[in-house]
């Protein structure tokens, strides 16, 4: 992971007491001094410097959240990468392009259905000892969703090709 170094002009208006045992080097309230930045965000911001003992990197976090402790802010930003990686995996493997609903329940339901489908196909791949990738198997199932052919026969008979190459009036289920 490459860290980005950004220079930013600011003025410290308040200093918190850091707890260096936890990795928090400094906790400051700042205001931006660059005229363009100050015009776009005139309010105070919080600047937290944190030393990550696992990686040996010193990280700087900027937030407008003054309610959470500095350690919690650092942990949230630090673990954000894992969340980003999880959603990237979802987009690549579960083929969720858009969410059908926008409520928390709708999003969770759609993700769980996609994960369950993925796991069922992974189990079938292992039990049937299929050599094709999970992507290829899911692709073939999506093209043949309404056929009553056993999965092993479906994969063995049909030539797998990229979904984008075919014109298909059928909705993709997986």
Protein backbone atom coordinates (compact mmCIF):
# COMPACT_ATOMS: atom_id res chain seq x y z
CA UNK A 1 0.00 0.00 0.00
CA UNK A 2 1.42 3.35 -1.01
CA UNK A 3 0.78 6.25 1.33
CA UNK A 4 -0.16 9.61 -0.08
CA UNK A 5 1.61 12.70 1.22
CA UNK A 6 -0.47 15.85 1.01
CA UNK A 7 0.63 19.26 2.22
CA UNK A 8 -2.15 21.31 3.70
CA UNK A 9 -2.05 24.76 5.24
CA UNK A 10 -3.76 24.99 8.60
CA UNK A 11 -3.65 26.72 11.97
CA UNK A 12 -3.90 24.79 15.23
CA UNK A 13 -6.63 26.27 17.45
CA UNK A 14 -6.65 23.64 20.20
CA UNK A 15 -4.44 20.74 21.25
CA UNK A 16 -5.74 17.60 22.93
CA UNK A 17 -3.69 15.43 25.22
CA UNK A 18 -2.33 12.49 23.21
CA UNK A 19 -2.05 8.98 24.64
CA UNK A 20 1.18 7.76 23.07
CA UNK A 21 0.76 4.28 24.58
CA UNK A 22 -2.20 3.73 22.21
CA UNK A 23 -0.38 5.15 19.18
CA UNK A 24 -2.08 8.56 19.14
CA UNK A 25 0.75 11.06 18.64
CA UNK A 26 -1.36 14.22 18.48
CA UNK A 27 -5.00 15.29 18.55
CA UNK A 28 -5.57 18.83 17.30
CA UNK A 29 -8.45 21.09 16.37
CA UNK A 30 -7.46 23.07 13.26
CA UNK A 31 -8.82 25.55 10.75
CA UNK A 32 -7.71 25.62 7.14
CA UNK A 33 -5.72 28.72 6.16
CA UNK A 34 -5.52 28.34 2.39
CA UNK A 35 -8.11 30.89 1.11
CA UNK A 36 -9.82 28.44 -1.27
CA UNK A 37 -9.94 25.62 1.29
CA UNK A 38 -11.05 27.94 4.09
CA UNK A 39 -13.88 29.26 1.92
CA UNK A 40 -15.06 25.75 1.03
CA UNK A 41 -14.80 24.48 4.63
CA UNK A 42 -14.70 27.37 7.12
CA UNK A 43 -15.43 25.26 10.24
CA UNK A 44 -12.93 23.58 12.54
CA UNK A 45 -11.53 20.17 11.70
CA UNK A 46 -9.81 17.56 13.77
CA UNK A 47 -6.30 16.39 12.88
CA UNK A 48 -5.08 13.15 14.45
CA UNK A 49 -1.61 11.68 13.99
CA UNK A 50 -1.42 7.99 14.73
CA UNK A 51 1.48 5.54 14.77
CA UNK A 52 0.48 2.09 13.53
CA UNK A 53 2.77 -0.36 15.33
CA UNK A 54 1.73 -3.22 13.00
CA UNK A 55 2.99 -1.51 9.84
CA UNK A 56 5.41 1.03 11.33
CA UNK A 57 3.65 3.88 9.49
CA UNK A 58 2.59 7.21 10.93
CA UNK A 59 -0.85 8.15 9.60
CA UNK A 60 -2.64 11.51 9.69
CA UNK A 61 -6.43 11.58 9.76
CA UNK A 62 -8.61 14.64 9.15
CA UNK A 63 -12.22 14.54 10.33
CA UNK A 64 -15.01 16.81 11.47
CA UNK A 65 -16.00 14.36 14.21
CA UNK A 66 -15.11 15.77 17.63
CA UNK A 67 -17.29 13.33 19.61
CA UNK A 68 -15.29 10.11 19.13
CA UNK A 69 -12.00 9.55 20.89
CA UNK A 70 -8.85 10.02 18.81
CA UNK A 71 -8.11 6.29 19.08
CA UNK A 72 -11.60 5.40 17.75
CA UNK A 73 -11.21 7.80 14.81
CA UNK A 74 -7.81 6.27 13.99
CA UNK A 75 -9.25 2.74 14.23
CA UNK A 76 -12.19 3.62 11.96
CA UNK A 77 -9.96 5.05 9.25
CA UNK A 78 -7.37 2.32 9.68
CA UNK A 79 -9.90 -0.47 9.22
CA UNK A 80 -11.66 1.31 6.40
CA UNK A 81 -9.26 -0.35 3.94
CA UNK A 82 -10.61 -3.75 4.94
CA UNK A 83 -14.15 -2.57 4.24
CA UNK A 84 -13.11 -1.17 0.86
CA UNK A 85 -11.42 -4.48 0.01
CA UNK A 86 -14.56 -6.39 1.05
CA UNK A 87 -16.79 -4.33 -1.26
CA UNK A 88 -14.28 -4.70 -4.10
CA UNK A 89 -14.42 -8.48 -3.60
CA UNK A 90 -18.23 -8.34 -3.63
CA UNK A 91 -18.26 -6.41 -6.92
CA UNK A 92 -15.74 -8.77 -8.53
CA UNK A 93 -17.08 -12.12 -7.32
CA UNK A 94 -20.76 -11.68 -6.53
CA UNK A 95 -21.52 -9.54 -9.58
CA UNK A 96 -23.72 -7.07 -7.69
CA UNK A 97 -23.77 -4.09 -10.02
CA UNK A 98 -26.54 -2.12 -8.33
CA UNK A 99 -28.60 -2.54 -5.22
CA UNK A 100 -32.32 -3.09 -5.78
CA UNK A 101 -33.24 -1.29 -2.59
CA UNK A 102 -31.57 1.47 -0.61
CA UNK A 103 -32.60 0.60 2.93
CA UNK A 104 -30.11 -1.13 5.20
CA UNK A 105 -32.27 -4.27 5.22
CA UNK A 106 -32.52 -4.39 1.40
CA UNK A 107 -28.74 -4.05 0.95
CA UNK A 108 -27.99 -6.68 3.60
CA UNK A 109 -30.54 -9.07 2.11
CA UNK A 110 -29.11 -8.71 -1.40
CA UNK A 111 -25.54 -9.22 -0.18
CA UNK A 112 -26.50 -12.30 1.86
CA UNK A 113 -28.37 -13.82 -1.09
CA UNK A 114 -25.36 -13.26 -3.34
CA UNK A 115 -22.96 -14.73 -0.76
CA UNK A 116 -25.23 -17.75 -0.23
CA UNK A 117 -25.40 -18.35 -3.99
CA UNK A 118 -21.62 -18.07 -4.27
CA UNK A 119 -21.06 -20.51 -1.40
CA UNK A 120 -23.56 -23.05 -2.80
CA UNK A 121 -21.74 -23.02 -6.14
CA UNK A 122 -18.36 -23.32 -4.37
CA UNK A 123 -19.63 -26.37 -2.47
CA UNK A 124 -21.04 -27.90 -5.69
CA UNK A 125 -17.73 -27.26 -7.48
CA UNK A 126 -15.85 -29.12 -4.76
CA UNK A 127 -18.33 -32.01 -4.42
CA UNK A 128 -18.56 -32.51 -8.20
CA UNK A 129 -14.80 -32.04 -8.61
CA UNK A 130 -15.26 -29.49 -11.39
CA UNK A 131 -12.17 -27.99 -12.99
CA UNK A 132 -13.81 -24.74 -14.12
CA UNK A 133 -13.46 -21.56 -12.08
CA UNK A 134 -16.30 -20.34 -9.89
CA UNK A 135 -16.73 -17.42 -12.27
CA UNK A 136 -17.21 -19.75 -15.23
CA UNK A 137 -19.66 -21.95 -13.34
CA UNK A 138 -21.71 -18.95 -12.15
CA UNK A 139 -21.66 -17.58 -15.69
CA UNK A 140 -22.98 -20.85 -17.12
CA UNK A 141 -25.69 -21.10 -14.45
CA UNK A 142 -26.82 -17.55 -15.19
CA UNK A 143 -27.18 -18.41 -18.88
CA UNK A 144 -29.04 -21.64 -18.19
CA UNK A 145 -31.04 -20.73 -15.09
CA UNK A 146 -34.31 -22.22 -16.33
CA UNK A 147 -32.92 -25.45 -17.76
CA UNK A 148 -33.39 -28.67 -15.79
CA UNK A 149 -29.93 -30.06 -16.51
CA UNK A 150 -27.63 -31.40 -13.76
CA UNK A 151 -24.79 -28.97 -13.07
CA UNK A 152 -22.03 -31.44 -14.00
CA UNK A 153 -23.71 -32.09 -17.37
CA UNK A 154 -24.38 -28.38 -17.92
CA UNK A 155 -20.71 -27.51 -17.43
CA UNK A 156 -19.46 -30.50 -19.48
CA UNK A 157 -21.79 -30.00 -22.47
CA UNK A 158 -21.82 -26.29 -23.06
CA UNK A 159 -18.89 -24.28 -24.21
CA UNK A 160 -18.34 -21.51 -21.69
CA UNK A 161 -17.93 -18.06 -23.17
CA UNK A 162 -18.04 -14.54 -21.84
CA UNK A 163 -21.57 -13.31 -21.03
CA UNK A 164 -20.84 -10.00 -22.74
CA UNK A 165 -20.42 -11.82 -26.07
CA UNK A 166 -23.93 -13.24 -26.05
CA UNK A 167 -27.21 -11.46 -26.66
CA UNK A 168 -29.59 -12.76 -24.07
CA UNK A 169 -33.18 -11.64 -23.38
CA UNK A 170 -33.20 -13.60 -20.14
CA UNK A 171 -32.52 -11.80 -16.86
CA UNK A 172 -29.30 -12.88 -15.16
CA UNK A 173 -30.12 -14.44 -11.79
CA UNK A 174 -26.64 -14.99 -10.42
